[in-house]
Amino acid sequence: MDVNSLSLRELKDLQAQVNRAIASYEDRRKKEALIELEEKARQMGFSLAELTGGVVTRKRAPAQAKYANPDDVTETWSGRGRKPRWFDAALAAGKSPEDLAI
């Protein structure tokens, strides 16, 4: 891929994709490590919580982004919580939520 021939929008899209891929990779590796540690502790007759001295909980993954700012695709919103200003501005400009969907 020749990144020098890409437009600014294409580069920002690519950057957002790379950031999501990195986060996803790190999350998968952490889950794999936790499963492996839990299995090893179980083989030795313990729970991981007993060995770590606390309760081991799995955190929920952050909500996936559903909308992106058309002017800056690095700004995203999951559809949860307070609407970002760029989302309200785009709606006021005549765009629909489907136009902003990823």
C-alpha atoms as a PDB file:
ATOM      1  CA  MET A   1       0.000   0.000   0.000  1.00  0.00           C
ATOM      2  CA  ASP A   2       1.400   3.358  -1.015  1.00  0.00           C
ATOM      3  CA  VAL A   3       0.324   5.698   1.786  1.00  0.00           C
ATOM      4  CA  ASN A   4       1.748   8.714  -0.060  1.00  0.00           C
ATOM      5  CA  SER A   5      -0.985   8.411  -2.690  1.00  0.00           C
ATOM      6  CA  LEU A   6      -3.848   8.428  -0.140  1.00  0.00           C
ATOM      7  CA  SER A   7      -5.975  11.477   0.599  1.00  0.00           C
ATOM      8  CA  LEU A   8      -6.147  12.970   4.085  1.00  0.00           C
ATOM      9  CA  ARG A   9      -9.553  11.361   4.674  1.00  0.00           C
ATOM     10  CA  GLU A  10      -8.235   7.953   3.572  1.00  0.00           C
ATOM     11  CA  LEU A  11      -5.222   8.336   5.851  1.00  0.00           C
ATOM     12  CA  LYS A  12      -7.435   9.205   8.813  1.00  0.00           C
ATOM     13  CA  ASP A  13      -9.697   6.220   8.039  1.00  0.00           C
ATOM     14  CA  LEU A  14      -6.632   3.991   7.926  1.00  0.00           C
ATOM     15  CA  GLN A  15      -5.376   5.442  11.216  1.00  0.00           C
ATOM     16  CA  ALA A  16      -8.725   4.749  12.904  1.00  0.00           C
ATOM     17  CA  GLN A  17      -8.702   1.170  11.589  1.00  0.00           C
ATOM     18  CA  VAL A  18      -5.169   0.616  12.881  1.00  0.00           C
ATOM     19  CA  ASN A  19      -6.073   2.024  16.318  1.00  0.00           C
ATOM     20  CA  ARG A  20      -9.090  -0.310  16.547  1.00  0.00           C
ATOM     21  CA  ALA A  21      -6.984  -3.289  15.455  1.00  0.00           C
ATOM     22  CA  ILE A  22      -4.327  -2.534  18.090  1.00  0.00           C
ATOM     23  CA  ALA A  23      -6.922  -2.212  20.863  1.00  0.00           C
ATOM     24  CA  SER A  24      -8.617  -5.425  19.763  1.00  0.00           C
ATOM     25  CA  TYR A  25      -5.298  -7.287  19.668  1.00  0.00           C
ATOM     26  CA  GLU A  26      -4.347  -6.142  23.172  1.00  0.00           C
ATOM     27  CA  ASP A  27      -7.762  -7.128  24.544  1.00  0.00           C
ATOM     28  CA  ARG A  28      -7.533 -10.597  23.001  1.00  0.00           C
ATOM     29  CA  ARG A  29      -4.046 -11.151  24.408  1.00  0.00           C
ATOM     30  CA  LYS A  30      -5.164 -10.085  27.906  1.00  0.00           C
ATOM     31  CA  LYS A  31      -8.141 -12.458  27.788  1.00  0.00           C
ATOM     32  CA  GLU A  32      -5.917 -15.309  26.611  1.00  0.00           C
ATOM     33  CA  ALA A  33      -3.450 -14.637  29.434  1.00  0.00           C
ATOM     34  CA  LEU A  34      -6.235 -14.535  32.031  1.00  0.00           C
ATOM     35  CA  ILE A  35      -7.704 -17.825  30.802  1.00  0.00           C
ATOM     36  CA  GLU A  36      -4.268 -19.451  30.851  1.00  0.00           C
ATOM     37  CA  LEU A  37      -3.578 -18.219  34.396  1.00  0.00           C
ATOM     38  CA  GLU A  38      -6.992 -19.375  35.627  1.00  0.00           C
ATOM     39  CA  GLU A  39      -6.389 -22.836  34.144  1.00  0.00           C
ATOM     40  CA  LYS A  40      -2.923 -23.114  35.713  1.00  0.00           C
ATOM     41  CA  ALA A  41      -4.280 -22.093  39.123  1.00  0.00           C
ATOM     42  CA  ARG A  42      -7.126 -24.622  38.778  1.00  0.00           C
ATOM     43  CA  GLN A  43      -4.616 -27.386  37.904  1.00  0.00           C
ATOM     44  CA  MET A  44      -2.782 -26.595  41.131  1.00  0.00           C
ATOM     45  CA  GLY A  45      -5.992 -26.664  43.174  1.00  0.00           C
ATOM     46  CA  PHE A  46      -6.526 -22.942  43.601  1.00  0.00           C
ATOM     47  CA  SER A  47      -8.646 -20.223  42.138  1.00  0.00           C
ATOM     48  CA  LEU A  48      -6.926 -17.207  40.658  1.00  0.00           C
ATOM     49  CA  ALA A  49      -8.711 -15.029  43.212  1.00  0.00           C
ATOM     50  CA  GLU A  50      -7.169 -17.044  46.046  1.00  0.00           C
ATOM     51  CA  LEU A  51      -3.697 -16.563  44.617  1.00  0.00           C
ATOM     52  CA  THR A  52      -4.052 -12.865  43.926  1.00  0.00           C
ATOM     53  CA  GLY A  53      -5.775 -12.106  47.224  1.00  0.00           C
ATOM     54  CA  GLY A  54      -8.815 -10.579  45.642  1.00  0.00           C
ATOM     55  CA  VAL A  55     -11.689 -11.104  43.335  1.00  0.00           C
ATOM     56  CA  VAL A  56     -10.718 -11.410  39.704  1.00  0.00           C
ATOM     57  CA  THR A  57     -13.310  -9.806  37.500  1.00  0.00           C
ATOM     58  CA  ARG A  58     -13.390  -9.359  33.796  1.00  0.00           C
ATOM     59  CA  LYS A  59     -14.010  -5.853  32.653  1.00  0.00           C
ATOM     60  CA  ARG A  60     -16.603  -5.156  30.026  1.00  0.00           C
ATOM     61  CA  ALA A  61     -15.249  -4.026  26.727  1.00  0.00           C
ATOM     62  CA  PRO A  62     -15.951  -0.404  25.861  1.00  0.00           C
ATOM     63  CA  ALA A  63     -18.905   0.179  23.566  1.00  0.00           C
ATOM     64  CA  GLN A  64     -18.124  -0.026  19.867  1.00  0.00           C
ATOM     65  CA  ALA A  65     -18.249   3.218  17.928  1.00  0.00           C
ATOM     66  CA  LYS A  66     -21.351   3.513  15.740  1.00  0.00           C
ATOM     67  CA  TYR A  67     -20.961   7.039  14.390  1.00  0.00           C
ATOM     68  CA  ALA A  68     -18.028   9.030  13.056  1.00  0.00           C
ATOM     69  CA  ASN A  69     -17.584  12.733  12.475  1.00  0.00           C
ATOM     70  CA  PRO A  70     -17.494  13.223   8.683  1.00  0.00           C
ATOM     71  CA  ASP A  71     -14.986  16.066   9.089  1.00  0.00           C
ATOM     72  CA  ASP A  72     -12.657  14.129  11.416  1.00  0.00           C
ATOM     73  CA  VAL A  73     -13.146  10.338  11.399  1.00  0.00           C
ATOM     74  CA  THR A  74     -11.009   9.966  14.519  1.00  0.00           C
ATOM     75  CA  GLU A  75     -13.924  11.479  16.468  1.00  0.00           C
ATOM     76  CA  THR A  76     -16.437   8.717  17.089  1.00  0.00           C
ATOM     77  CA  TRP A  77     -19.473   8.083  19.269  1.00  0.00           C
ATOM     78  CA  SER A  78     -21.008   4.808  20.401  1.00  0.00           C
ATOM     79  CA  GLY A  79     -24.552   6.155  20.578  1.00  0.00           C
ATOM     80  CA  ARG A  80     -24.465   5.953  24.365  1.00  0.00           C
ATOM     81  CA  GLY A  81     -24.349   8.860  26.731  1.00  0.00           C
ATOM     82  CA  ARG A  82     -24.331  12.510  25.817  1.00  0.00           C
ATOM     83  CA  LYS A  83     -24.341  13.366  22.103  1.00  0.00           C
ATOM     84  CA  PRO A  84     -21.128  15.008  20.940  1.00  0.00           C
ATOM     85  CA  ARG A  85     -21.345  18.520  19.525  1.00  0.00           C
ATOM     86  CA  TRP A  86     -20.244  17.394  16.077  1.00  0.00           C
ATOM     87  CA  PHE A  87     -23.169  14.915  15.989  1.00  0.00           C
ATOM     88  CA  ASP A  88     -25.729  17.609  16.879  1.00  0.00           C
ATOM     89  CA  ALA A  89     -24.146  20.021  14.378  1.00  0.00           C
ATOM     90  CA  ALA A  90     -24.333  17.424  11.596  1.00  0.00           C
ATOM     91  CA  LEU A  91     -28.008  16.733  12.391  1.00  0.00           C
ATOM     92  CA  ALA A  92     -28.720  20.486  12.360  1.00  0.00           C
ATOM     93  CA  ALA A  93     -26.998  20.687   8.973  1.00  0.00           C
ATOM     94  CA  GLY A  94     -29.486  18.187   7.555  1.00  0.00           C
ATOM     95  CA  LYS A  95     -27.603  14.919   7.930  1.00  0.00           C
ATOM     96  CA  SER A  96     -29.305  11.848   9.340  1.00  0.00           C
ATOM     97  CA  PRO A  97     -27.820   9.451  11.894  1.00  0.00           C
ATOM     98  CA  GLU A  98     -27.536   6.885   9.078  1.00  0.00           C
ATOM     99  CA  ASP A  99     -25.286   9.323   7.172  1.00  0.00           C
ATOM    100  CA  LEU A 100     -22.918   9.385  10.161  1.00  0.00           C
ATOM    101  CA  ALA A 101     -22.947   5.633  10.787  1.00  0.00           C
ATOM    102  CA  ILE A 102     -19.662   3.750  10.503  1.00  0.00           C
END
